């Protein structure tokens, strides 16, 4: 009788996404929204390009990173790293069955936000 019970597949008791899976999904969405906002701020904070027409008219452009926007950018990028790390840790506890998978979008978010932070650390 024990041989027969040992060969039977275990019953899957999951009936859909639970609160942990939903929180991982929402954290992933929140992390990407924060990253898109950070990229918008980086566009506003970066030095302006001095085109030939502007140089011809002697119009001065900003050739440095805006300090207030750069501080906000760095703050948001740290939040992106934190959100993605927290989501990856929660997902790590969730990886128990064959149907569970690693969320590569969180890994990409972590790599991209840390790469931009490294770039800003080198530039500034």
PDB file of N, CA and C in Angstrom:
ATOM      1  N   UNK A   1       0.812  -1.180   0.000  1.00  0.00           N
ATOM      2  CA  UNK A   1       0.000   0.000   0.000  1.00  0.00           C
ATOM      3  C   UNK A   1       0.869   1.264   0.000  1.00  0.00           C
ATOM      4  N   UNK A   2       2.008   1.200   0.629  1.00  0.00           N
ATOM      5  CA  UNK A   2       2.883   2.361   0.629  1.00  0.00           C
ATOM      6  C   UNK A   2       3.503   2.581  -0.739  1.00  0.00           C
ATOM      7  N   UNK A   3       3.703   1.512  -1.502  1.00  0.00           N
ATOM      8  CA  UNK A   3       4.239   1.670  -2.848  1.00  0.00           C
ATOM      9  C   UNK A   3       3.246   2.397  -3.742  1.00  0.00           C
ATOM     10  N   UNK A   4       1.991   2.095  -3.579  1.00  0.00           N
ATOM     11  CA  UNK A   4       0.967   2.721  -4.406  1.00  0.00           C
ATOM     12  C   UNK A   4       0.827   4.202  -4.066  1.00  0.00           C
ATOM     13  N   UNK A   5       0.899   4.558  -2.803  1.00  0.00           N
ATOM     14  CA  UNK A   5       0.806   5.960  -2.390  1.00  0.00           C
ATOM     15  C   UNK A   5       2.046   6.751  -2.797  1.00  0.00           C
ATOM     16  N   UNK A   6       3.195   6.085  -2.833  1.00  0.00           N
ATOM     17  CA  UNK A   6       4.431   6.769  -3.191  1.00  0.00           C
ATOM     18  C   UNK A   6       4.463   7.116  -4.677  1.00  0.00           C
ATOM     19  N   UNK A   7       3.802   6.336  -5.502  1.00  0.00           N
ATOM     20  CA  UNK A   7       3.843   6.591  -6.931  1.00  0.00           C
ATOM     21  C   UNK A   7       2.812   7.622  -7.378  1.00  0.00           C
ATOM     22  N   UNK A   8       1.825   7.917  -6.557  1.00  0.00           N
ATOM     23  CA  UNK A   8       0.814   8.906  -6.918  1.00  0.00           C
ATOM     24  C   UNK A   8       1.397  10.316  -6.880  1.00  0.00           C
ATOM     25  N   UNK A   9       1.063  11.167  -7.865  1.00  0.00           N
ATOM     26  CA  UNK A   9       1.557  12.557  -7.806  1.00  0.00           C
ATOM     27  C   UNK A   9       0.893  13.320  -6.670  1.00  0.00           C
ATOM     28  N   UNK A  10       1.638  14.245  -6.125  1.00  0.00           N
ATOM     29  CA  UNK A  10       1.091  15.055  -5.034  1.00  0.00           C
ATOM     30  C   UNK A  10       0.030  15.991  -5.569  1.00  0.00           C
ATOM     31  N   UNK A  11      -0.969  16.227  -4.782  1.00  0.00           N
ATOM     32  CA  UNK A  11      -2.079  17.080  -5.187  1.00  0.00           C
ATOM     33  C   UNK A  11      -1.660  18.550  -5.091  1.00  0.00           C
ATOM     34  N   UNK A  12      -1.937  19.297  -6.142  1.00  0.00           N
ATOM     35  CA  UNK A  12      -1.642  20.728  -6.160  1.00  0.00           C
ATOM     36  C   UNK A  12      -2.774  21.452  -5.460  1.00  0.00           C
ATOM     37  N   UNK A  13      -2.479  22.067  -4.338  1.00  0.00           N
ATOM     38  CA  UNK A  13      -3.509  22.732  -3.545  1.00  0.00           C
ATOM     39  C   UNK A  13      -3.656  24.208  -3.880  1.00  0.00           C
ATOM     40  N   UNK A  14      -2.868  24.700  -4.796  1.00  0.00           N
ATOM     41  CA  UNK A  14      -3.004  26.101  -5.193  1.00  0.00           C
ATOM     42  C   UNK A  14      -4.190  26.259  -6.133  1.00  0.00           C
ATOM     43  N   UNK A  15      -5.006  27.235  -5.854  1.00  0.00           N
ATOM     44  CA  UNK A  15      -6.185  27.501  -6.683  1.00  0.00           C
ATOM     45  C   UNK A  15      -6.074  28.847  -7.378  1.00  0.00           C
ATOM     46  N   UNK A  16      -4.893  29.281  -7.634  1.00  0.00           N
ATOM     47  CA  UNK A  16      -4.693  30.573  -8.272  1.00  0.00           C
ATOM     48  C   UNK A  16      -3.683  31.388  -7.487  1.00  0.00           C
ATOM     49  N   UNK A  17      -3.478  32.616  -7.900  1.00  0.00           N
ATOM     50  CA  UNK A  17      -2.477  33.446  -7.210  1.00  0.00           C
ATOM     51  C   UNK A  17      -2.943  33.832  -5.802  1.00  0.00           C
ATOM     52  N   UNK A  18      -2.057  33.641  -4.838  1.00  0.00           N
ATOM     53  CA  UNK A  18      -2.359  34.044  -3.469  1.00  0.00           C
ATOM     54  C   UNK A  18      -1.816  35.447  -3.219  1.00  0.00           C
ATOM     55  N   UNK A  19      -1.839  35.873  -1.985  1.00  0.00           N
ATOM     56  CA  UNK A  19      -1.437  37.250  -1.661  1.00  0.00           C
ATOM     57  C   UNK A  19       0.041  37.479  -1.930  1.00  0.00           C
ATOM     58  N   UNK A  20       0.876  36.459  -1.752  1.00  0.00           N
ATOM     59  CA  UNK A  20       2.312  36.630  -1.987  1.00  0.00           C
ATOM     60  C   UNK A  20       2.600  36.818  -3.476  1.00  0.00           C
ATOM     61  N   UNK A  21       1.959  36.027  -4.287  1.00  0.00           N
ATOM     62  CA  UNK A  21       2.151  36.161  -5.730  1.00  0.00           C
ATOM     63  C   UNK A  21       1.598  37.492  -6.239  1.00  0.00           C
ATOM     64  N   UNK A  22       0.472  37.917  -5.707  1.00  0.00           N
ATOM     65  CA  UNK A  22      -0.089  39.214  -6.084  1.00  0.00           C
ATOM     66  C   UNK A  22       0.823  40.357  -5.655  1.00  0.00           C
ATOM     67  N   UNK A  23       1.417  40.243  -4.463  1.00  0.00           N
ATOM     68  CA  UNK A  23       2.322  41.311  -4.011  1.00  0.00           C
ATOM     69  C   UNK A  23       3.578  41.369  -4.871  1.00  0.00           C
ATOM     70  N   UNK A  24       4.080  40.218  -5.315  1.00  0.00           N
ATOM     71  CA  UNK A  24       5.237  40.210  -6.213  1.00  0.00           C
ATOM     72  C   UNK A  24       4.874  40.880  -7.537  1.00  0.00           C
ATOM     73  N   UNK A  25       3.688  40.596  -8.047  1.00  0.00           N
ATOM     74  CA  UNK A  25       3.243  41.224  -9.292  1.00  0.00           C
ATOM     75  C   UNK A  25       3.135  42.737  -9.142  1.00  0.00           C
ATOM     76  N   UNK A  26       2.527  43.192  -8.055  1.00  0.00           N
ATOM     77  CA  UNK A  26       2.359  44.633  -7.845  1.00  0.00           C
ATOM     78  C   UNK A  26       3.691  45.329  -7.590  1.00  0.00           C
ATOM     79  N   UNK A  27       4.603  44.664  -6.885  1.00  0.00           N
ATOM     80  CA  UNK A  27       5.929  45.252  -6.676  1.00  0.00           C
ATOM     81  C   UNK A  27       6.696  45.359  -7.989  1.00  0.00           C
ATOM     82  N   UNK A  28       6.531  44.388  -8.853  1.00  0.00           N
ATOM     83  CA  UNK A  28       7.178  44.440 -10.155  1.00  0.00           C
ATOM     84  C   UNK A  28       6.659  45.616 -10.975  1.00  0.00           C
ATOM     85  N   UNK A  29       5.356  45.793 -10.990  1.00  0.00           N
ATOM     86  CA  UNK A  29       4.771  46.921 -11.719  1.00  0.00           C
ATOM     87  C   UNK A  29       5.229  48.244 -11.118  1.00  0.00           C
ATOM     88  N   UNK A  30       5.230  48.333  -9.794  1.00  0.00           N
ATOM     89  CA  UNK A  30       5.657  49.569  -9.132  1.00  0.00           C
ATOM     90  C   UNK A  30       7.123  49.871  -9.415  1.00  0.00           C
ATOM     91  N   UNK A  31       7.963  48.855  -9.432  1.00  0.00           N
ATOM     92  CA  UNK A  31       9.383  49.059  -9.728  1.00  0.00           C
ATOM     93  C   UNK A  31       9.602  49.598 -11.124  1.00  0.00           C
ATOM     94  N   UNK A  32       8.874  49.066 -12.104  1.00  0.00           N
ATOM     95  CA  UNK A  32       9.029  49.558 -13.471  1.00  0.00           C
ATOM     96  C   UNK A  32       8.453  50.959 -13.640  1.00  0.00           C
ATOM     97  N   UNK A  33       7.387  51.278 -12.934  1.00  0.00           N
ATOM     98  CA  UNK A  33       6.842  52.641 -13.006  1.00  0.00           C
ATOM     99  C   UNK A  33       7.843  53.633 -12.426  1.00  0.00           C
ATOM    100  N   UNK A  34       8.448  53.291 -11.297  1.00  0.00           N
ATOM    101  CA  UNK A  34       9.455  54.164 -10.690  1.00  0.00           C
ATOM    102  C   UNK A  34      10.652  54.313 -11.621  1.00  0.00           C
ATOM    103  N   UNK A  35      11.045  53.234 -12.313  1.00  0.00           N
ATOM    104  CA  UNK A  35      12.172  53.317 -13.237  1.00  0.00           C
ATOM    105  C   UNK A  35      11.865  54.222 -14.424  1.00  0.00           C
ATOM    106  N   UNK A  36      10.662  54.149 -14.958  1.00  0.00           N
ATOM    107  CA  UNK A  36      10.290  55.017 -16.078  1.00  0.00           C
ATOM    108  C   UNK A  36      10.271  56.478 -15.635  1.00  0.00           C
ATOM    109  N   UNK A  37       9.772  56.737 -14.431  1.00  0.00           N
ATOM    110  CA  UNK A  37       9.795  58.110 -13.900  1.00  0.00           C
ATOM    111  C   UNK A  37      11.236  58.577 -13.719  1.00  0.00           C
ATOM    112  N   UNK A  38      12.102  57.687 -13.239  1.00  0.00           N
ATOM    113  CA  UNK A  38      13.516  58.046 -13.062  1.00  0.00           C
ATOM    114  C   UNK A  38      14.185  58.357 -14.395  1.00  0.00           C
ATOM    115  N   UNK A  39      13.830  57.635 -15.437  1.00  0.00           N
ATOM    116  CA  UNK A  39      14.415  57.922 -16.747  1.00  0.00           C
ATOM    117  C   UNK A  39      13.904  59.253 -17.295  1.00  0.00           C
ATOM    118  N   UNK A  40      12.670  59.613 -16.989  1.00  0.00           N
ATOM    119  CA  UNK A  40      12.167  60.938 -17.368  1.00  0.00           C
ATOM    120  C   UNK A  40      12.907  62.039 -16.634  1.00  0.00           C
ATOM    121  N   UNK A  41      13.182  61.826 -15.358  1.00  0.00           N
ATOM    122  CA  UNK A  41      13.933  62.814 -14.582  1.00  0.00           C
ATOM    123  C   UNK A  41      15.371  62.896 -15.082  1.00  0.00           C
ATOM    124  N   UNK A  42      15.945  61.760 -15.490  1.00  0.00           N
ATOM    125  CA  UNK A  42      17.317  61.814 -16.001  1.00  0.00           C
ATOM    126  C   UNK A  42      17.394  62.612 -17.294  1.00  0.00           C
ATOM    127  N   UNK A  43      16.341  62.560 -18.095  1.00  0.00           N
ATOM    128  CA  UNK A  43      16.313  63.360 -19.322  1.00  0.00           C
ATOM    129  C   UNK A  43      16.296  64.853 -18.998  1.00  0.00           C
ATOM    130  N   UNK A  44      15.588  65.221 -17.938  1.00  0.00           N
ATOM    131  CA  UNK A  44      15.532  66.633 -17.548  1.00  0.00           C
ATOM    132  C   UNK A  44      16.796  67.079 -16.818  1.00  0.00           C
ATOM    133  N   UNK A  45      17.469  66.167 -16.129  1.00  0.00           N
ATOM    134  CA  UNK A  45      18.619  66.537 -15.305  1.00  0.00           C
ATOM    135  C   UNK A  45      19.936  66.576 -16.074  1.00  0.00           C
ATOM    136  N   UNK A  46      20.015  65.874 -17.188  1.00  0.00           N
ATOM    137  CA  UNK A  46      21.288  65.784 -17.901  1.00  0.00           C
ATOM    138  C   UNK A  46      21.666  67.126 -18.527  1.00  0.00           C
ATOM    139  N   UNK A  47      22.942  67.311 -18.840  1.00  0.00           N
ATOM    140  CA  UNK A  47      23.364  68.563 -19.481  1.00  0.00           C
ATOM    141  C   UNK A  47      22.705  68.724 -20.849  1.00  0.00           C
ATOM    142  N   UNK A  48      22.444  69.979 -21.207  1.00  0.00           N
ATOM    143  CA  UNK A  48      21.802  70.257 -22.489  1.00  0.00           C
ATOM    144  C   UNK A  48      22.834  70.225 -23.602  1.00  0.00           C
ATOM    145  N   UNK A  49      22.389  69.863 -24.775  1.00  0.00           N
ATOM    146  CA  UNK A  49      23.272  69.790 -25.943  1.00  0.00           C
ATOM    147  C   UNK A  49      23.363  71.173 -26.582  1.00  0.00           C
ATOM    148  N   UNK A  50      24.587  71.601 -26.862  1.00  0.00           N
ATOM    149  CA  UNK A  50      24.773  72.898 -27.489  1.00  0.00           C
ATOM    150  C   UNK A  50      24.920  72.692 -28.990  1.00  0.00           C
ATOM    151  N   UNK A  51      23.843  72.960 -29.699  1.00  0.00           N
ATOM    152  CA  UNK A  51      23.848  72.817 -31.155  1.00  0.00           C
ATOM    153  C   UNK A  51      24.570  74.007 -31.781  1.00  0.00           C
ATOM    154  N   UNK A  52      24.930  73.849 -33.025  1.00  0.00           N
ATOM    155  CA  UNK A  52      25.647  74.916 -33.733  1.00  0.00           C
ATOM    156  C   UNK A  52      24.834  76.185 -33.842  1.00  0.00           C
ATOM    157  N   UNK A  53      23.525  76.065 -34.019  1.00  0.00           N
ATOM    158  CA  UNK A  53      22.659  77.236 -34.112  1.00  0.00           C
ATOM    159  C   UNK A  53      22.651  78.014 -32.795  1.00  0.00           C
ATOM    160  N   UNK A  54      22.616  77.314 -31.680  1.00  0.00           N
ATOM    161  CA  UNK A  54      22.656  77.970 -30.372  1.00  0.00           C
ATOM    162  C   UNK A  54      24.006  78.631 -30.138  1.00  0.00           C
ATOM    163  N   UNK A  55      25.050  77.980 -30.586  1.00  0.00           N
ATOM    164  CA  UNK A  55      26.391  78.548 -30.439  1.00  0.00           C
ATOM    165  C   UNK A  55      26.538  79.793 -31.324  1.00  0.00           C
ATOM    166  N   UNK A  56      25.943  79.765 -32.496  1.00  0.00           N
ATOM    167  CA  UNK A  56      25.992  80.901 -33.410  1.00  0.00           C
ATOM    168  C   UNK A  56      25.279  82.113 -32.825  1.00  0.00           C
ATOM    169  N   UNK A  57      24.154  81.865 -32.118  1.00  0.00           N
ATOM    170  CA  UNK A  57      23.405  82.965 -31.514  1.00  0.00           C
ATOM    171  C   UNK A  57      23.890  83.326 -30.110  1.00  0.00           C
ATOM    172  N   UNK A  58      24.955  82.691 -29.643  1.00  0.00           N
ATOM    173  CA  UNK A  58      25.515  82.913 -28.302  1.00  0.00           C
ATOM    174  C   UNK A  58      24.485  82.667 -27.198  1.00  0.00           C
ATOM    175  N   UNK A  59      23.698  81.631 -27.345  1.00  0.00           N
ATOM    176  CA  UNK A  59      22.731  81.239 -26.312  1.00  0.00           C
ATOM    177  C   UNK A  59      23.420  80.239 -25.396  1.00  0.00           C
ATOM    178  N   UNK A  60      23.444  80.560 -24.109  1.00  0.00           N
ATOM    179  CA  UNK A  60      24.096  79.693 -23.132  1.00  0.00           C
ATOM    180  C   UNK A  60      23.190  78.507 -22.784  1.00  0.00           C
ATOM    181  N   UNK A  61      23.791  77.360 -22.699  1.00  0.00           N
ATOM    182  CA  UNK A  61      23.065  76.162 -22.292  1.00  0.00           C
ATOM    183  C   UNK A  61      23.740  75.590 -21.047  1.00  0.00           C
ATOM    184  N   UNK A  62      22.971  74.790 -20.312  1.00  0.00           N
ATOM    185  CA  UNK A  62      23.491  74.183 -19.078  1.00  0.00           C
ATOM    186  C   UNK A  62      24.390  73.020 -19.453  1.00  0.00           C
ATOM    187  N   UNK A  63      25.646  73.060 -19.011  1.00  0.00           N
ATOM    188  CA  UNK A  63      26.602  72.002 -19.336  1.00  0.00           C
ATOM    189  C   UNK A  63      26.954  71.147 -18.118  1.00  0.00           C
ATOM    190  N   UNK A  64      26.064  71.080 -17.157  1.00  0.00           N
ATOM    191  CA  UNK A  64      26.265  70.286 -15.949  1.00  0.00           C
ATOM    192  C   UNK A  64      24.942  69.616 -15.579  1.00  0.00           C
ATOM    193  N   UNK A  65      25.036  68.582 -14.766  1.00  0.00           N
ATOM    194  CA  UNK A  65      23.836  67.901 -14.292  1.00  0.00           C
ATOM    195  C   UNK A  65      23.143  68.775 -13.255  1.00  0.00           C
ATOM    196  N   UNK A  66      21.835  68.907 -13.349  1.00  0.00           N
ATOM    197  CA  UNK A  66      21.052  69.682 -12.399  1.00  0.00           C
ATOM    198  C   UNK A  66      21.102  68.986 -11.038  1.00  0.00           C
ATOM    199  N   UNK A  67      21.628  69.652  -9.994  1.00  0.00           N
ATOM    200  CA  UNK A  67      21.841  68.969  -8.711  1.00  0.00           C
ATOM    201  C   UNK A  67      20.551  68.507  -8.030  1.00  0.00           C
ATOM    202  N   UNK A  68      19.486  69.287  -8.080  1.00  0.00           N
ATOM    203  CA  UNK A  68      18.254  68.872  -7.393  1.00  0.00           C
ATOM    204  C   UNK A  68      17.604  67.684  -8.104  1.00  0.00           C
ATOM    205  N   UNK A  69      17.569  67.728  -9.421  1.00  0.00           N
ATOM    206  CA  UNK A  69      16.975  66.613 -10.155  1.00  0.00           C
ATOM    207  C   UNK A  69      17.851  65.364 -10.092  1.00  0.00           C
ATOM    208  N   UNK A  70      19.160  65.547 -10.034  1.00  0.00           N
ATOM    209  CA  UNK A  70      20.054  64.405  -9.930  1.00  0.00           C
ATOM    210  C   UNK A  70      19.892  63.710  -8.584  1.00  0.00           C
ATOM    211  N   UNK A  71      19.693  64.480  -7.532  1.00  0.00           N
ATOM    212  CA  UNK A  71      19.452  63.877  -6.215  1.00  0.00           C
ATOM    213  C   UNK A  71      18.154  63.064  -6.221  1.00  0.00           C
ATOM    214  N   UNK A  72      17.118  63.586  -6.855  1.00  0.00           N
ATOM    215  CA  UNK A  72      15.858  62.841  -6.960  1.00  0.00           C
ATOM    216  C   UNK A  72      16.034  61.587  -7.811  1.00  0.00           C
ATOM    217  N   UNK A  73      16.823  61.712  -8.864  1.00  0.00           N
ATOM    218  CA  UNK A  73      17.079  60.573  -9.737  1.00  0.00           C
ATOM    219  C   UNK A  73      17.773  59.447  -8.981  1.00  0.00           C
ATOM    220  N   UNK A  74      18.787  59.785  -8.225  1.00  0.00           N
ATOM    221  CA  UNK A  74      19.518  58.780  -7.456  1.00  0.00           C
ATOM    222  C   UNK A  74      18.609  58.141  -6.410  1.00  0.00           C
ATOM    223  N   UNK A  75      17.782  58.935  -5.768  1.00  0.00           N
ATOM    224  CA  UNK A  75      16.824  58.429  -4.781  1.00  0.00           C
ATOM    225  C   UNK A  75      15.863  57.431  -5.431  1.00  0.00           C
ATOM    226  N   UNK A  76      15.318  57.760  -6.591  1.00  0.00           N
ATOM    227  CA  UNK A  76      14.394  56.868  -7.281  1.00  0.00           C
ATOM    228  C   UNK A  76      15.078  55.589  -7.760  1.00  0.00           C
ATOM    229  N   UNK A  77      16.323  55.696  -8.189  1.00  0.00           N
ATOM    230  CA  UNK A  77      17.038  54.509  -8.637  1.00  0.00           C
ATOM    231  C   UNK A  77      17.343  53.564  -7.476  1.00  0.00           C
ATOM    232  N   UNK A  78      17.621  54.119  -6.312  1.00  0.00           N
ATOM    233  CA  UNK A  78      17.798  53.264  -5.132  1.00  0.00           C
ATOM    234  C   UNK A  78      16.496  52.567  -4.775  1.00  0.00           C
ATOM    235  N   UNK A  79      15.381  53.270  -4.930  1.00  0.00           N
ATOM    236  CA  UNK A  79      14.076  52.648  -4.701  1.00  0.00           C
ATOM    237  C   UNK A  79      13.849  51.512  -5.689  1.00  0.00           C
ATOM    238  N   UNK A  80      14.237  51.700  -6.941  1.00  0.00           N
ATOM    239  CA  UNK A  80      14.110  50.626  -7.947  1.00  0.00           C
ATOM    240  C   UNK A  80      14.914  49.403  -7.530  1.00  0.00           C
ATOM    241  N   UNK A  81      16.135  49.629  -7.082  1.00  0.00           N
ATOM    242  CA  UNK A  81      16.966  48.511  -6.633  1.00  0.00           C
ATOM    243  C   UNK A  81      16.336  47.800  -5.437  1.00  0.00           C
ATOM    244  N   UNK A  82      15.836  48.571  -4.495  1.00  0.00           N
ATOM    245  CA  UNK A  82      15.213  47.983  -3.309  1.00  0.00           C
ATOM    246  C   UNK A  82      13.954  47.200  -3.635  1.00  0.00           C
ATOM    247  N   UNK A  83      13.115  47.755  -4.490  1.00  0.00           N
ATOM    248  CA  UNK A  83      11.882  47.069  -4.869  1.00  0.00           C
ATOM    249  C   UNK A  83      12.197  45.775  -5.602  1.00  0.00           C
ATOM    250  N   UNK A  84      13.153  45.815  -6.520  1.00  0.00           N
ATOM    251  CA  UNK A  84      13.473  44.601  -7.270  1.00  0.00           C
ATOM    252  C   UNK A  84      14.127  43.553  -6.374  1.00  0.00           C
ATOM    253  N   UNK A  85      14.986  43.971  -5.440  1.00  0.00           N
ATOM    254  CA  UNK A  85      15.583  43.011  -4.519  1.00  0.00           C
ATOM    255  C   UNK A  85      14.543  42.378  -3.609  1.00  0.00           C
ATOM    256  N   UNK A  86      13.618  43.189  -3.100  1.00  0.00           N
ATOM    257  CA  UNK A  86      12.554  42.659  -2.247  1.00  0.00           C
ATOM    258  C   UNK A  86      11.677  41.682  -3.023  1.00  0.00           C
ATOM    259  N   UNK A  87      11.344  42.019  -4.251  1.00  0.00           N
ATOM    260  CA  UNK A  87      10.526  41.132  -5.074  1.00  0.00           C
ATOM    261  C   UNK A  87      11.258  39.835  -5.394  1.00  0.00           C
ATOM    262  N   UNK A  88      12.548  39.929  -5.672  1.00  0.00           N
ATOM    263  CA  UNK A  88      13.323  38.712  -5.952  1.00  0.00           C
ATOM    264  C   UNK A  88      13.433  37.821  -4.717  1.00  0.00           C
ATOM    265  N   UNK A  89      13.562  38.419  -3.538  1.00  0.00           N
ATOM    266  CA  UNK A  89      13.600  37.617  -2.311  1.00  0.00           C
ATOM    267  C   UNK A  89      12.266  36.944  -2.045  1.00  0.00           C
ATOM    268  N   UNK A  90      11.170  37.671  -2.233  1.00  0.00           N
ATOM    269  CA  UNK A  90       9.850  37.062  -2.067  1.00  0.00           C
ATOM    270  C   UNK A  90       9.635  35.951  -3.083  1.00  0.00           C
ATOM    271  N   UNK A  91      10.091  36.154  -4.300  1.00  0.00           N
ATOM    272  CA  UNK A  91       9.963  35.137  -5.334  1.00  0.00           C
ATOM    273  C   UNK A  91      10.829  33.921  -5.017  1.00  0.00           C
ATOM    274  N   UNK A  92      11.962  34.144  -4.400  1.00  0.00           N
ATOM    275  CA  UNK A  92      12.857  33.044  -4.032  1.00  0.00           C
ATOM    276  C   UNK A  92      12.178  32.102  -3.043  1.00  0.00           C
ATOM    277  N   UNK A  93      11.434  32.660  -2.093  1.00  0.00           N
ATOM    278  CA  UNK A  93      10.701  31.826  -1.155  1.00  0.00           C
ATOM    279  C   UNK A  93       9.540  31.103  -1.835  1.00  0.00           C
ATOM    280  N   UNK A  94       9.120  31.629  -2.954  1.00  0.00           N
ATOM    281  CA  UNK A  94       7.975  31.069  -3.668  1.00  0.00           C
ATOM    282  C   UNK A  94       8.368  29.936  -4.615  1.00  0.00           C
ATOM    283  N   UNK A  95       9.625  29.846  -5.019  1.00  0.00           N
ATOM    284  CA  UNK A  95      10.063  28.844  -5.999  1.00  0.00           C
ATOM    285  C   UNK A  95      10.145  27.457  -5.357  1.00  0.00           C
ATOM    286  N   UNK A  96       9.033  26.748  -5.354  1.00  0.00           N
ATOM    287  CA  UNK A  96       9.033  25.413  -4.766  1.00  0.00           C
ATOM    288  C   UNK A  96       8.533  24.350  -5.732  1.00  0.00           C
ATOM    289  N   UNK A  97       7.714  24.743  -6.668  1.00  0.00           N
ATOM    290  CA  UNK A  97       7.129  23.769  -7.584  1.00  0.00           C
ATOM    291  C   UNK A  97       7.666  23.979  -8.991  1.00  0.00           C
ATOM    292  N   UNK A  98       7.426  23.002  -9.832  1.00  0.00           N
ATOM    293  CA  UNK A  98       7.920  23.070 -11.208  1.00  0.00           C
ATOM    294  C   UNK A  98       7.228  24.174 -12.001  1.00  0.00           C
ATOM    295  N   UNK A  99       6.005  24.529 -11.624  1.00  0.00           N
ATOM    296  CA  UNK A  99       5.268  25.570 -12.337  1.00  0.00           C
ATOM    297  C   UNK A  99       5.717  26.977 -11.976  1.00  0.00           C
ATOM    298  N   UNK A 100       6.458  27.118 -10.898  1.00  0.00           N
ATOM    299  CA  UNK A 100       6.950  28.431 -10.496  1.00  0.00           C
ATOM    300  C   UNK A 100       8.157  28.795 -11.350  1.00  0.00           C
ATOM    301  N   UNK A 101       8.343  30.077 -11.571  1.00  0.00           N
ATOM    302  CA  UNK A 101       9.444  30.510 -12.428  1.00  0.00           C
ATOM    303  C   UNK A 101      10.100  31.761 -11.855  1.00  0.00           C
ATOM    304  N   UNK A 102      11.352  31.954 -12.244  1.00  0.00           N
ATOM    305  CA  UNK A 102      12.096  33.149 -11.868  1.00  0.00           C
ATOM    306  C   UNK A 102      11.602  34.313 -12.707  1.00  0.00           C
ATOM    307  N   UNK A 103      11.434  35.429 -12.114  1.00  0.00           N
ATOM    308  CA  UNK A 103      10.938  36.611 -12.825  1.00  0.00           C
ATOM    309  C   UNK A 103      12.128  37.391 -13.360  1.00  0.00           C
ATOM    310  N   UNK A 104      12.360  37.196 -14.648  1.00  0.00           N
ATOM    311  CA  UNK A 104      13.519  37.821 -15.286  1.00  0.00           C
ATOM    312  C   UNK A 104      13.363  39.327 -15.418  1.00  0.00           C
ATOM    313  N   UNK A 105      12.134  39.831 -15.439  1.00  0.00           N
ATOM    314  CA  UNK A 105      11.961  41.275 -15.530  1.00  0.00           C
ATOM    315  C   UNK A 105      12.486  41.966 -14.283  1.00  0.00           C
ATOM    316  N   UNK A 106      12.413  41.307 -13.129  1.00  0.00           N
ATOM    317  CA  UNK A 106      12.965  41.897 -11.906  1.00  0.00           C
ATOM    318  C   UNK A 106      14.492  41.896 -11.927  1.00  0.00           C
ATOM    319  N   UNK A 107      15.067  40.863 -12.511  1.00  0.00           N
ATOM    320  CA  UNK A 107      16.529  40.814 -12.643  1.00  0.00           C
ATOM    321  C   UNK A 107      16.994  41.924 -13.592  1.00  0.00           C
ATOM    322  N   UNK A 108      16.267  42.104 -14.692  1.00  0.00           N
ATOM    323  CA  UNK A 108      16.614  43.157 -15.648  1.00  0.00           C
ATOM    324  C   UNK A 108      16.461  44.529 -15.003  1.00  0.00           C
ATOM    325  N   UNK A 109      15.394  44.724 -14.221  1.00  0.00           N
ATOM    326  CA  UNK A 109      15.199  45.996 -13.520  1.00  0.00           C
ATOM    327  C   UNK A 109      16.333  46.267 -12.544  1.00  0.00           C
ATOM    328  N   UNK A 110      16.755  45.263 -11.814  1.00  0.00           N
ATOM    329  CA  UNK A 110      17.859  45.425 -10.873  1.00  0.00           C
ATOM    330  C   UNK A 110      19.155  45.761 -11.602  1.00  0.00           C
ATOM    331  N   UNK A 111      19.431  45.061 -12.704  1.00  0.00           N
ATOM    332  CA  UNK A 111      20.658  45.323 -13.457  1.00  0.00           C
ATOM    333  C   UNK A 111      20.655  46.713 -14.087  1.00  0.00           C
ATOM    334  N   UNK A 112      19.518  47.112 -14.645  1.00  0.00           N
ATOM    335  CA  UNK A 112      19.460  48.422 -15.294  1.00  0.00           C
ATOM    336  C   UNK A 112      19.565  49.554 -14.284  1.00  0.00           C
ATOM    337  N   UNK A 113      18.861  49.462 -13.176  1.00  0.00           N
ATOM    338  CA  UNK A 113      18.919  50.544 -12.195  1.00  0.00           C
ATOM    339  C   UNK A 113      20.290  50.621 -11.534  1.00  0.00           C
ATOM    340  N   UNK A 114      20.910  49.479 -11.282  1.00  0.00           N
ATOM    341  CA  UNK A 114      22.259  49.526 -10.697  1.00  0.00           C
ATOM    342  C   UNK A 114      23.282  50.019 -11.722  1.00  0.00           C
ATOM    343  N   UNK A 115      23.066  49.727 -13.004  1.00  0.00           N
ATOM    344  CA  UNK A 115      23.978  50.237 -14.036  1.00  0.00           C
ATOM    345  C   UNK A 115      23.881  51.748 -14.156  1.00  0.00           C
ATOM    346  N   UNK A 116      22.678  52.290 -14.077  1.00  0.00           N
ATOM    347  CA  UNK A 116      22.522  53.750 -14.135  1.00  0.00           C
ATOM    348  C   UNK A 116      23.120  54.388 -12.885  1.00  0.00           C
ATOM    349  N   UNK A 117      22.945  53.753 -11.728  1.00  0.00           N
ATOM    350  CA  UNK A 117      23.573  54.280 -10.510  1.00  0.00           C
ATOM    351  C   UNK A 117      25.095  54.269 -10.621  1.00  0.00           C
ATOM    352  N   UNK A 118      25.651  53.212 -11.183  1.00  0.00           N
ATOM    353  CA  UNK A 118      27.089  53.153 -11.375  1.00  0.00           C
ATOM    354  C   UNK A 118      27.569  54.218 -12.353  1.00  0.00           C
ATOM    355  N   UNK A 119      26.799  54.406 -13.427  1.00  0.00           N
ATOM    356  CA  UNK A 119      27.127  55.450 -14.411  1.00  0.00           C
ATOM    357  C   UNK A 119      27.125  56.831 -13.750  1.00  0.00           C
ATOM    358  N   UNK A 120      26.110  57.101 -12.948  1.00  0.00           N
ATOM    359  CA  UNK A 120      26.050  58.400 -12.266  1.00  0.00           C
ATOM    360  C   UNK A 120      27.163  58.561 -11.248  1.00  0.00           C
ATOM    361  N   UNK A 121      27.550  57.473 -10.599  1.00  0.00           N
ATOM    362  CA  UNK A 121      28.659  57.555  -9.639  1.00  0.00           C
ATOM    363  C   UNK A 121      29.972  57.861 -10.333  1.00  0.00           C
ATOM    364  N   UNK A 122      30.155  57.341 -11.545  1.00  0.00           N
ATOM    365  CA  UNK A 122      31.385  57.611 -12.298  1.00  0.00           C
ATOM    366  C   UNK A 122      31.366  59.028 -12.861  1.00  0.00           C
ATOM    367  N   UNK A 123      30.231  59.444 -13.399  1.00  0.00           N
ATOM    368  CA  UNK A 123      30.116  60.773 -14.027  1.00  0.00           C
ATOM    369  C   UNK A 123      30.207  61.882 -12.981  1.00  0.00           C
ATOM    370  N   UNK A 124      29.484  61.720 -11.904  1.00  0.00           N
ATOM    371  CA  UNK A 124      29.437  62.795 -10.912  1.00  0.00           C
ATOM    372  C   UNK A 124      30.576  62.608  -9.976  1.00  0.00           C
TER     373      UNK A 124
END
